[in-house]
PDB file of all heavy atoms in Angstrom:
ATOM      1  N   GLU A   1     -24.816  -0.581  45.979  1.00  0.00           N
ATOM      2  CA  GLU A   1     -25.829   0.357  45.535  1.00  0.00           C
ATOM      3  C   GLU A   1     -25.948   0.320  44.006  1.00  0.00           C
ATOM      4  O   GLU A   1     -25.161  -0.340  43.342  1.00  0.00           O
ATOM      5  CB  GLU A   1     -25.463   1.783  45.995  1.00  0.00           C
ATOM      6  CG  GLU A   1     -25.314   1.939  47.506  1.00  0.00           C
ATOM      7  CD  GLU A   1     -26.599   1.701  48.266  1.00  0.00           C
ATOM      8  OE1 GLU A   1     -27.679   1.949  47.683  1.00  0.00           O
ATOM      9  OE2 GLU A   1     -26.530   1.261  49.433  1.00  0.00           O
ATOM     10  N   ASP A   2     -26.960   0.998  43.485  1.00  0.00           N
ATOM     11  CA  ASP A   2     -27.085   1.088  42.025  1.00  0.00           C
ATOM     12  C   ASP A   2     -25.743   1.540  41.419  1.00  0.00           C
ATOM     13  O   ASP A   2     -25.073   2.411  42.001  1.00  0.00           O
ATOM     14  CB  ASP A   2     -28.168   2.075  41.649  1.00  0.00           C
ATOM     15  CG  ASP A   2     -29.567   1.664  42.160  1.00  0.00           C
ATOM     16  OD1 ASP A   2     -29.704   0.537  42.682  1.00  0.00           O
ATOM     17  OD2 ASP A   2     -30.482   2.483  42.009  1.00  0.00           O
ATOM     18  N   PHE A   3     -25.373   0.969  40.295  1.00  0.00           N
ATOM     19  CA  PHE A   3     -24.088   1.343  39.677  1.00  0.00           C
ATOM     20  C   PHE A   3     -24.243   1.377  38.171  1.00  0.00           C
ATOM     21  O   PHE A   3     -25.139   0.779  37.593  1.00  0.00           O
ATOM     22  CB  PHE A   3     -22.975   0.424  40.122  1.00  0.00           C
ATOM     23  CG  PHE A   3     -23.148  -1.038  39.767  1.00  0.00           C
ATOM     24  CD1 PHE A   3     -22.566  -1.555  38.602  1.00  0.00           C
ATOM     25  CD2 PHE A   3     -23.856  -1.882  40.601  1.00  0.00           C
ATOM     26  CE1 PHE A   3     -22.716  -2.908  38.273  1.00  0.00           C
ATOM     27  CE2 PHE A   3     -24.016  -3.247  40.272  1.00  0.00           C
ATOM     28  CZ  PHE A   3     -23.429  -3.740  39.102  1.00  0.00           C
ATOM     29  N   SER A   4     -23.318   2.083  37.523  1.00  0.00           N
ATOM     30  CA  SER A   4     -23.379   2.280  36.075  1.00  0.00           C
ATOM     31  C   SER A   4     -22.264   1.510  35.390  1.00  0.00           C
ATOM     32  O   SER A   4     -21.159   1.322  35.920  1.00  0.00           O
ATOM     33  CB  SER A   4     -23.238   3.776  35.758  1.00  0.00           C
ATOM     34  OG  SER A   4     -24.322   4.490  36.295  1.00  0.00           O
ATOM     35  N   LEU A   5     -22.574   1.051  34.173  1.00  0.00           N
ATOM     36  CA  LEU A   5     -21.625   0.359  33.330  1.00  0.00           C
ATOM     37  C   LEU A   5     -21.766   0.905  31.887  1.00  0.00           C
ATOM     38  O   LEU A   5     -22.820   1.418  31.529  1.00  0.00           O
ATOM     39  CB  LEU A   5     -21.899  -1.135  33.301  1.00  0.00           C
ATOM     40  CG  LEU A   5     -21.731  -1.936  34.590  1.00  0.00           C
ATOM     41  CD1 LEU A   5     -22.289  -3.337  34.417  1.00  0.00           C
ATOM     42  CD2 LEU A   5     -20.277  -1.984  35.021  1.00  0.00           C
ATOM     43  N   THR A   6     -20.709   0.748  31.101  1.00  0.00           N
ATOM     44  CA  THR A   6     -20.805   0.967  29.663  1.00  0.00           C
ATOM     45  C   THR A   6     -20.344  -0.313  28.994  1.00  0.00           C
ATOM     46  O   THR A   6     -19.143  -0.597  28.906  1.00  0.00           O
ATOM     47  CB  THR A   6     -19.956   2.165  29.206  1.00  0.00           C
ATOM     48  OG1 THR A   6     -20.454   3.349  29.863  1.00  0.00           O
ATOM     49  CG2 THR A   6     -20.069   2.343  27.695  1.00  0.00           C
ATOM     50  N   THR A   7     -21.299  -1.122  28.570  1.00  0.00           N
ATOM     51  CA  THR A   7     -21.035  -2.430  27.987  1.00  0.00           C
ATOM     52  C   THR A   7     -22.349  -2.923  27.385  1.00  0.00           C
ATOM     53  O   THR A   7     -23.278  -2.126  27.230  1.00  0.00           O
ATOM     54  CB  THR A   7     -20.493  -3.401  29.070  1.00  0.00           C
ATOM     55  OG1 THR A   7     -20.204  -4.660  28.456  1.00  0.00           O
ATOM     56  CG2 THR A   7     -21.484  -3.601  30.189  1.00  0.00           C
ATOM     57  N   GLU A   8     -22.412  -4.191  27.037  1.00  0.00           N
ATOM     58  CA  GLU A   8     -23.668  -4.720  26.538  1.00  0.00           C
ATOM     59  C   GLU A   8     -24.737  -4.705  27.621  1.00  0.00           C
ATOM     60  O   GLU A   8     -24.498  -5.169  28.731  1.00  0.00           O
ATOM     61  CB  GLU A   8     -23.472  -6.149  26.028  1.00  0.00           C
ATOM     62  CG  GLU A   8     -22.621  -6.246  24.777  1.00  0.00           C
ATOM     63  CD  GLU A   8     -22.515  -7.658  24.268  1.00  0.00           C
ATOM     64  OE1 GLU A   8     -22.861  -8.609  24.984  1.00  0.00           O
ATOM     65  OE2 GLU A   8     -22.057  -7.810  23.135  1.00  0.00           O
ATOM     66  N   GLN A   9     -25.893  -4.204  27.277  1.00  0.00           N
ATOM     67  CA  GLN A   9     -27.043  -4.196  28.177  1.00  0.00           C
ATOM     68  C   GLN A   9     -28.007  -5.292  27.740  1.00  0.00           C
ATOM     69  O   GLN A   9     -28.620  -5.202  26.685  1.00  0.00           O
ATOM     70  CB  GLN A   9     -27.733  -2.845  28.148  1.00  0.00           C
ATOM     71  CG  GLN A   9     -28.921  -2.724  29.106  1.00  0.00           C
ATOM     72  CD  GLN A   9     -29.621  -1.380  29.000  1.00  0.00           C
ATOM     73  OE1 GLN A   9     -29.522  -0.700  27.986  1.00  0.00           O
ATOM     74  NE2 GLN A   9     -30.334  -1.016  30.051  1.00  0.00           N
ATOM     75  N   TYR A  10     -28.127  -6.328  28.517  1.00  0.00           N
ATOM     76  CA  TYR A  10     -28.927  -7.509  28.123  1.00  0.00           C
ATOM     77  C   TYR A  10     -30.424  -7.247  28.265  1.00  0.00           C
ATOM     78  O   TYR A  10     -30.904  -6.892  29.341  1.00  0.00           O
ATOM     79  CB  TYR A  10     -28.522  -8.713  28.955  1.00  0.00           C
ATOM     80  CG  TYR A  10     -27.529  -9.632  28.292  1.00  0.00           C
ATOM     81  CD1 TYR A  10     -26.673  -9.188  27.310  1.00  0.00           C
ATOM     82  CD2 TYR A  10     -27.451 -10.977  28.675  1.00  0.00           C
ATOM     83  CE1 TYR A  10     -25.762 -10.032  26.721  1.00  0.00           C
ATOM     84  CE2 TYR A  10     -26.531 -11.814  28.087  1.00  0.00           C
ATOM     85  CZ  TYR A  10     -25.695 -11.354  27.094  1.00  0.00           C
ATOM     86  OH  TYR A  10     -24.779 -12.191  26.495  1.00  0.00           O
ATOM     87  N   TRP A  11     -31.118  -7.443  27.185  1.00  0.00           N
ATOM     88  CA  TRP A  11     -32.583  -7.577  27.179  1.00  0.00           C
ATOM     89  C   TRP A  11     -32.851  -9.051  27.356  1.00  0.00           C
ATOM     90  O   TRP A  11     -32.463  -9.865  26.515  1.00  0.00           O
ATOM     91  CB  TRP A  11     -33.139  -7.051  25.865  1.00  0.00           C
ATOM     92  CG  TRP A  11     -34.621  -7.034  25.694  1.00  0.00           C
ATOM     93  CD1 TRP A  11     -35.520  -7.991  26.069  1.00  0.00           C
ATOM     94  CD2 TRP A  11     -35.409  -6.006  25.039  1.00  0.00           C
ATOM     95  NE1 TRP A  11     -36.789  -7.644  25.709  1.00  0.00           N
ATOM     96  CE2 TRP A  11     -36.748  -6.425  25.080  1.00  0.00           C
ATOM     97  CE3 TRP A  11     -35.064  -4.796  24.463  1.00  0.00           C
ATOM     98  CZ2 TRP A  11     -37.783  -5.659  24.517  1.00  0.00           C
ATOM     99  CZ3 TRP A  11     -36.099  -4.037  23.910  1.00  0.00           C
ATOM    100  CH2 TRP A  11     -37.424  -4.452  23.943  1.00  0.00           C
ATOM    101  N   VAL A  12     -33.500  -9.423  28.461  1.00  0.00           N
ATOM    102  CA  VAL A  12     -33.645 -10.826  28.834  1.00  0.00           C
ATOM    103  C   VAL A  12     -35.127 -11.217  28.843  1.00  0.00           C
ATOM    104  O   VAL A  12     -35.990 -10.459  29.355  1.00  0.00           O
ATOM    105  CB  VAL A  12     -33.044 -11.076  30.235  1.00  0.00           C
ATOM    106  CG1 VAL A  12     -33.374 -12.472  30.730  1.00  0.00           C
ATOM    107  CG2 VAL A  12     -31.532 -10.872  30.185  1.00  0.00           C
ATOM    108  N   LEU A  13     -35.433 -12.377  28.275  1.00  0.00           N
ATOM    109  CA  LEU A  13     -36.750 -12.963  28.393  1.00  0.00           C
ATOM    110  C   LEU A  13     -36.728 -13.879  29.601  1.00  0.00           C
ATOM    111  O   LEU A  13     -35.921 -14.809  29.657  1.00  0.00           O
ATOM    112  CB  LEU A  13     -37.110 -13.745  27.122  1.00  0.00           C
ATOM    113  CG  LEU A  13     -36.974 -12.968  25.814  1.00  0.00           C
ATOM    114  CD1 LEU A  13     -37.337 -13.866  24.636  1.00  0.00           C
ATOM    115  CD2 LEU A  13     -37.807 -11.702  25.818  1.00  0.00           C
ATOM    116  N   ALA A  14     -37.613 -13.649  30.571  1.00  0.00           N
ATOM    117  CA  ALA A  14     -37.527 -14.373  31.846  1.00  0.00           C
ATOM    118  C   ALA A  14     -38.910 -14.745  32.346  1.00  0.00           C
ATOM    119  O   ALA A  14     -39.929 -14.191  31.918  1.00  0.00           O
ATOM    120  CB  ALA A  14     -36.826 -13.519  32.874  1.00  0.00           C
ATOM    121  N   ASP A  15     -38.944 -15.683  33.313  1.00  0.00           N
ATOM    122  CA  ASP A  15     -40.214 -16.052  33.923  1.00  0.00           C
ATOM    123  C   ASP A  15     -40.282 -15.478  35.334  1.00  0.00           C
ATOM    124  O   ASP A  15     -39.326 -14.899  35.854  1.00  0.00           O
ATOM    125  CB  ASP A  15     -40.423 -17.574  33.903  1.00  0.00           C
ATOM    126  CG  ASP A  15     -39.424 -18.354  34.746  1.00  0.00           C
ATOM    127  OD1 ASP A  15     -39.021 -17.853  35.828  1.00  0.00           O
ATOM    128  OD2 ASP A  15     -39.056 -19.465  34.338  1.00  0.00           O
ATOM    129  N   SER A  16     -41.428 -15.655  35.978  1.00  0.00           N
ATOM    130  CA  SER A  16     -41.648 -15.037  37.288  1.00  0.00           C
ATOM    131  C   SER A  16     -41.126 -15.896  38.438  1.00  0.00           C
ATOM    132  O   SER A  16     -41.254 -15.486  39.599  1.00  0.00           O
ATOM    133  CB  SER A  16     -43.139 -14.760  37.493  1.00  0.00           C
ATOM    134  OG  SER A  16     -43.888 -15.966  37.450  1.00  0.00           O
ATOM    135  N   TYR A  17     -40.543 -17.040  38.136  1.00  0.00           N
ATOM    136  CA  TYR A  17     -40.032 -17.889  39.219  1.00  0.00           C
ATOM    137  C   TYR A  17     -38.616 -17.478  39.645  1.00  0.00           C
ATOM    138  O   TYR A  17     -38.116 -17.954  40.649  1.00  0.00           O
ATOM    139  CB  TYR A  17     -40.058 -19.360  38.768  1.00  0.00           C
ATOM    140  CG  TYR A  17     -39.634 -20.317  39.848  1.00  0.00           C
ATOM    141  CD1 TYR A  17     -40.345 -20.403  41.057  1.00  0.00           C
ATOM    142  CD2 TYR A  17     -38.508 -21.126  39.715  1.00  0.00           C
ATOM    143  CE1 TYR A  17     -39.938 -21.266  42.059  1.00  0.00           C
ATOM    144  CE2 TYR A  17     -38.093 -21.989  40.718  1.00  0.00           C
ATOM    145  CZ  TYR A  17     -38.810 -22.045  41.886  1.00  0.00           C
ATOM    146  OH  TYR A  17     -38.406 -22.900  42.878  1.00  0.00           O
ATOM    147  N   ILE A  18     -37.952 -16.628  38.883  1.00  0.00           N
ATOM    148  CA  ILE A  18     -36.631 -16.164  39.315  1.00  0.00           C
ATOM    149  C   ILE A  18     -36.783 -15.117  40.434  1.00  0.00           C
ATOM    150  O   ILE A  18     -37.806 -14.413  40.497  1.00  0.00           O
ATOM    151  CB  ILE A  18     -35.804 -15.590  38.146  1.00  0.00           C
ATOM    152  CG1 ILE A  18     -36.475 -14.368  37.537  1.00  0.00           C
ATOM    153  CG2 ILE A  18     -35.536 -16.645  37.111  1.00  0.00           C
ATOM    154  CD1 ILE A  18     -35.631 -13.683  36.471  1.00  0.00           C
ATOM    155  N   ASP A  19     -35.797 -15.052  41.305  1.00  0.00           N
ATOM    156  CA  ASP A  19     -35.735 -14.029  42.338  1.00  0.00           C
ATOM    157  C   ASP A  19     -34.781 -12.950  41.852  1.00  0.00           C
ATOM    158  O   ASP A  19     -33.569 -13.149  41.768  1.00  0.00           O
ATOM    159  CB  ASP A  19     -35.256 -14.620  43.670  1.00  0.00           C
ATOM    160  CG  ASP A  19     -36.239 -15.623  44.253  1.00  0.00           C
ATOM    161  OD1 ASP A  19     -37.449 -15.359  44.136  1.00  0.00           O
ATOM    162  OD2 ASP A  19     -35.819 -16.652  44.793  1.00  0.00           O
ATOM    163  N   VAL A  20     -35.341 -11.806  41.509  1.00  0.00           N
ATOM    164  CA  VAL A  20     -34.594 -10.743  40.851  1.00  0.00           C
ATOM    165  C   VAL A  20     -33.889  -9.880  41.880  1.00  0.00           C
ATOM    166  O   VAL A  20     -34.553  -9.189  42.690  1.00  0.00           O
ATOM    167  CB  VAL A  20     -35.498  -9.900  39.936  1.00  0.00           C
ATOM    168  CG1 VAL A  20     -34.700  -8.786  39.282  1.00  0.00           C
ATOM    169  CG2 VAL A  20     -36.191 -10.775  38.892  1.00  0.00           C
ATOM    170  N   LEU A  21     -32.571  -9.876  41.869  1.00  0.00           N
ATOM    171  CA  LEU A  21     -31.767  -9.100  42.806  1.00  0.00           C
ATOM    172  C   LEU A  21     -31.390  -7.737  42.264  1.00  0.00           C
ATOM    173  O   LEU A  21     -31.109  -6.813  43.031  1.00  0.00           O
ATOM    174  CB  LEU A  21     -30.508  -9.866  43.220  1.00  0.00           C
ATOM    175  CG  LEU A  21     -30.717 -11.282  43.743  1.00  0.00           C
ATOM    176  CD1 LEU A  21     -29.405 -11.848  44.254  1.00  0.00           C
ATOM    177  CD2 LEU A  21     -31.771 -11.352  44.815  1.00  0.00           C
ATOM    178  N   ALA A  22     -31.383  -7.587  40.938  1.00  0.00           N
ATOM    179  CA  ALA A  22     -31.081  -6.306  40.309  1.00  0.00           C
ATOM    180  C   ALA A  22     -31.681  -6.297  38.913  1.00  0.00           C
ATOM    181  O   ALA A  22     -31.857  -7.364  38.287  1.00  0.00           O
ATOM    182  CB  ALA A  22     -29.578  -6.059  40.239  1.00  0.00           C
ATOM    183  N   THR A  23     -31.988  -5.107  38.409  1.00  0.00           N
ATOM    184  CA  THR A  23     -32.609  -4.953  37.094  1.00  0.00           C
ATOM    185  C   THR A  23     -31.847  -3.907  36.294  1.00  0.00           C
ATOM    186  O   THR A  23     -31.021  -3.152  36.803  1.00  0.00           O
ATOM    187  CB  THR A  23     -34.077  -4.502  37.205  1.00  0.00           C
ATOM    188  OG1 THR A  23     -34.113  -3.219  37.841  1.00  0.00           O
ATOM    189  CG2 THR A  23     -34.890  -5.511  38.016  1.00  0.00           C
ATOM    190  N   THR A  24     -32.150  -3.848  35.017  1.00  0.00           N
ATOM    191  CA  THR A  24     -31.706  -2.754  34.162  1.00  0.00           C
ATOM    192  C   THR A  24     -32.839  -2.409  33.194  1.00  0.00           C
ATOM    193  O   THR A  24     -33.554  -3.289  32.721  1.00  0.00           O
ATOM    194  CB  THR A  24     -30.425  -3.135  33.397  1.00  0.00           C
ATOM    195  OG1 THR A  24     -29.978  -2.023  32.635  1.00  0.00           O
ATOM    196  CG2 THR A  24     -30.636  -4.319  32.478  1.00  0.00           C
ATOM    197  N   THR A  25     -32.985  -1.132  32.918  1.00  0.00           N
ATOM    198  CA  THR A  25     -34.089  -0.692  32.079  1.00  0.00           C
ATOM    199  C   THR A  25     -33.595  -0.163  30.748  1.00  0.00           C
ATOM    200  O   THR A  25     -32.759   0.755  30.686  1.00  0.00           O
ATOM    201  CB  THR A  25     -34.895   0.424  32.797  1.00  0.00           C
ATOM    202  OG1 THR A  25     -35.455  -0.148  34.008  1.00  0.00           O
ATOM    203  CG2 THR A  25     -36.031   0.936  31.913  1.00  0.00           C
ATOM    204  N   GLN A  26     -34.095  -0.776  29.684  1.00  0.00           N
ATOM    205  CA  GLN A  26     -33.772  -0.346  28.334  1.00  0.00           C
ATOM    206  C   GLN A  26     -34.632   0.863  27.981  1.00  0.00           C
ATOM    207  O   GLN A  26     -35.877   0.755  27.971  1.00  0.00           O
ATOM    208  CB  GLN A  26     -33.990  -1.479  27.347  1.00  0.00           C
ATOM    209  CG  GLN A  26     -33.847  -1.084  25.890  1.00  0.00           C
ATOM    210  CD  GLN A  26     -32.437  -0.647  25.572  1.00  0.00           C
ATOM    211  OE1 GLN A  26     -31.472  -1.354  25.871  1.00  0.00           O
ATOM    212  NE2 GLN A  26     -32.309   0.524  24.980  1.00  0.00           N
ATOM    213  N   LYS A  27     -34.003   1.972  27.692  1.00  0.00           N
ATOM    214  CA  LYS A  27     -34.725   3.188  27.341  1.00  0.00           C
ATOM    215  C   LYS A  27     -35.250   3.096  25.918  1.00  0.00           C
ATOM    216  O   LYS A  27     -34.854   2.207  25.142  1.00  0.00           O
ATOM    217  CB  LYS A  27     -33.821   4.412  27.490  1.00  0.00           C
ATOM    218  CG  LYS A  27     -33.192   4.565  28.857  1.00  0.00           C
ATOM    219  CD  LYS A  27     -34.248   4.748  29.957  1.00  0.00           C
ATOM    220  CE  LYS A  27     -33.589   4.970  31.305  1.00  0.00           C
ATOM    221  NZ  LYS A  27     -34.594   5.122  32.388  1.00  0.00           N
ATOM    222  N   VAL A  28     -36.092   4.015  25.546  1.00  0.00           N
ATOM    223  CA  VAL A  28     -36.558   4.143  24.180  1.00  0.00           C
ATOM    224  C   VAL A  28     -35.796   5.278  23.514  1.00  0.00           C
ATOM    225  O   VAL A  28     -35.884   6.426  23.938  1.00  0.00           O
ATOM    226  CB  VAL A  28     -38.075   4.404  24.116  1.00  0.00           C
ATOM    227  CG1 VAL A  28     -38.553   4.496  22.686  1.00  0.00           C
ATOM    228  CG2 VAL A  28     -38.857   3.335  24.886  1.00  0.00           C
ATOM    229  N   ARG A  29     -35.020   4.934  22.492  1.00  0.00           N
ATOM    230  CA  ARG A  29     -34.286   5.935  21.731  1.00  0.00           C
ATOM    231  C   ARG A  29     -35.002   6.219  20.410  1.00  0.00           C
ATOM    232  O   ARG A  29     -35.819   5.396  19.961  1.00  0.00           O
ATOM    233  CB  ARG A  29     -32.855   5.467  21.473  1.00  0.00           C
ATOM    234  CG  ARG A  29     -31.933   5.395  22.717  1.00  0.00           C
ATOM    235  CD  ARG A  29     -32.075   4.062  23.479  1.00  0.00           C
ATOM    236  NE  ARG A  29     -31.910   2.890  22.628  1.00  0.00           N
ATOM    237  CZ  ARG A  29     -30.732   2.320  22.352  1.00  0.00           C
ATOM    238  NH1 ARG A  29     -29.631   2.803  22.870  1.00  0.00           N
ATOM    239  NH2 ARG A  29     -30.668   1.280  21.568  1.00  0.00           N
ATOM    240  N   PRO A  30     -34.703   7.312  19.763  1.00  0.00           N
ATOM    241  CA  PRO A  30     -35.442   7.675  18.530  1.00  0.00           C
ATOM    242  C   PRO A  30     -35.401   6.591  17.448  1.00  0.00           C
ATOM    243  O   PRO A  30     -36.345   6.471  16.656  1.00  0.00           O
ATOM    244  CB  PRO A  30     -34.745   8.939  18.044  1.00  0.00           C
ATOM    245  CG  PRO A  30     -34.186   9.552  19.295  1.00  0.00           C
ATOM    246  CD  PRO A  30     -33.779   8.411  20.157  1.00  0.00           C
TER     247      PRO A  30
END
């Protein structure tokens, strides 16, 4: 299931040919 981590959160540049099994969303901070 969805799970939490405290570590580096990767912002990744990717193409649409990958099959995405999980994602992470970078929030907007001040």
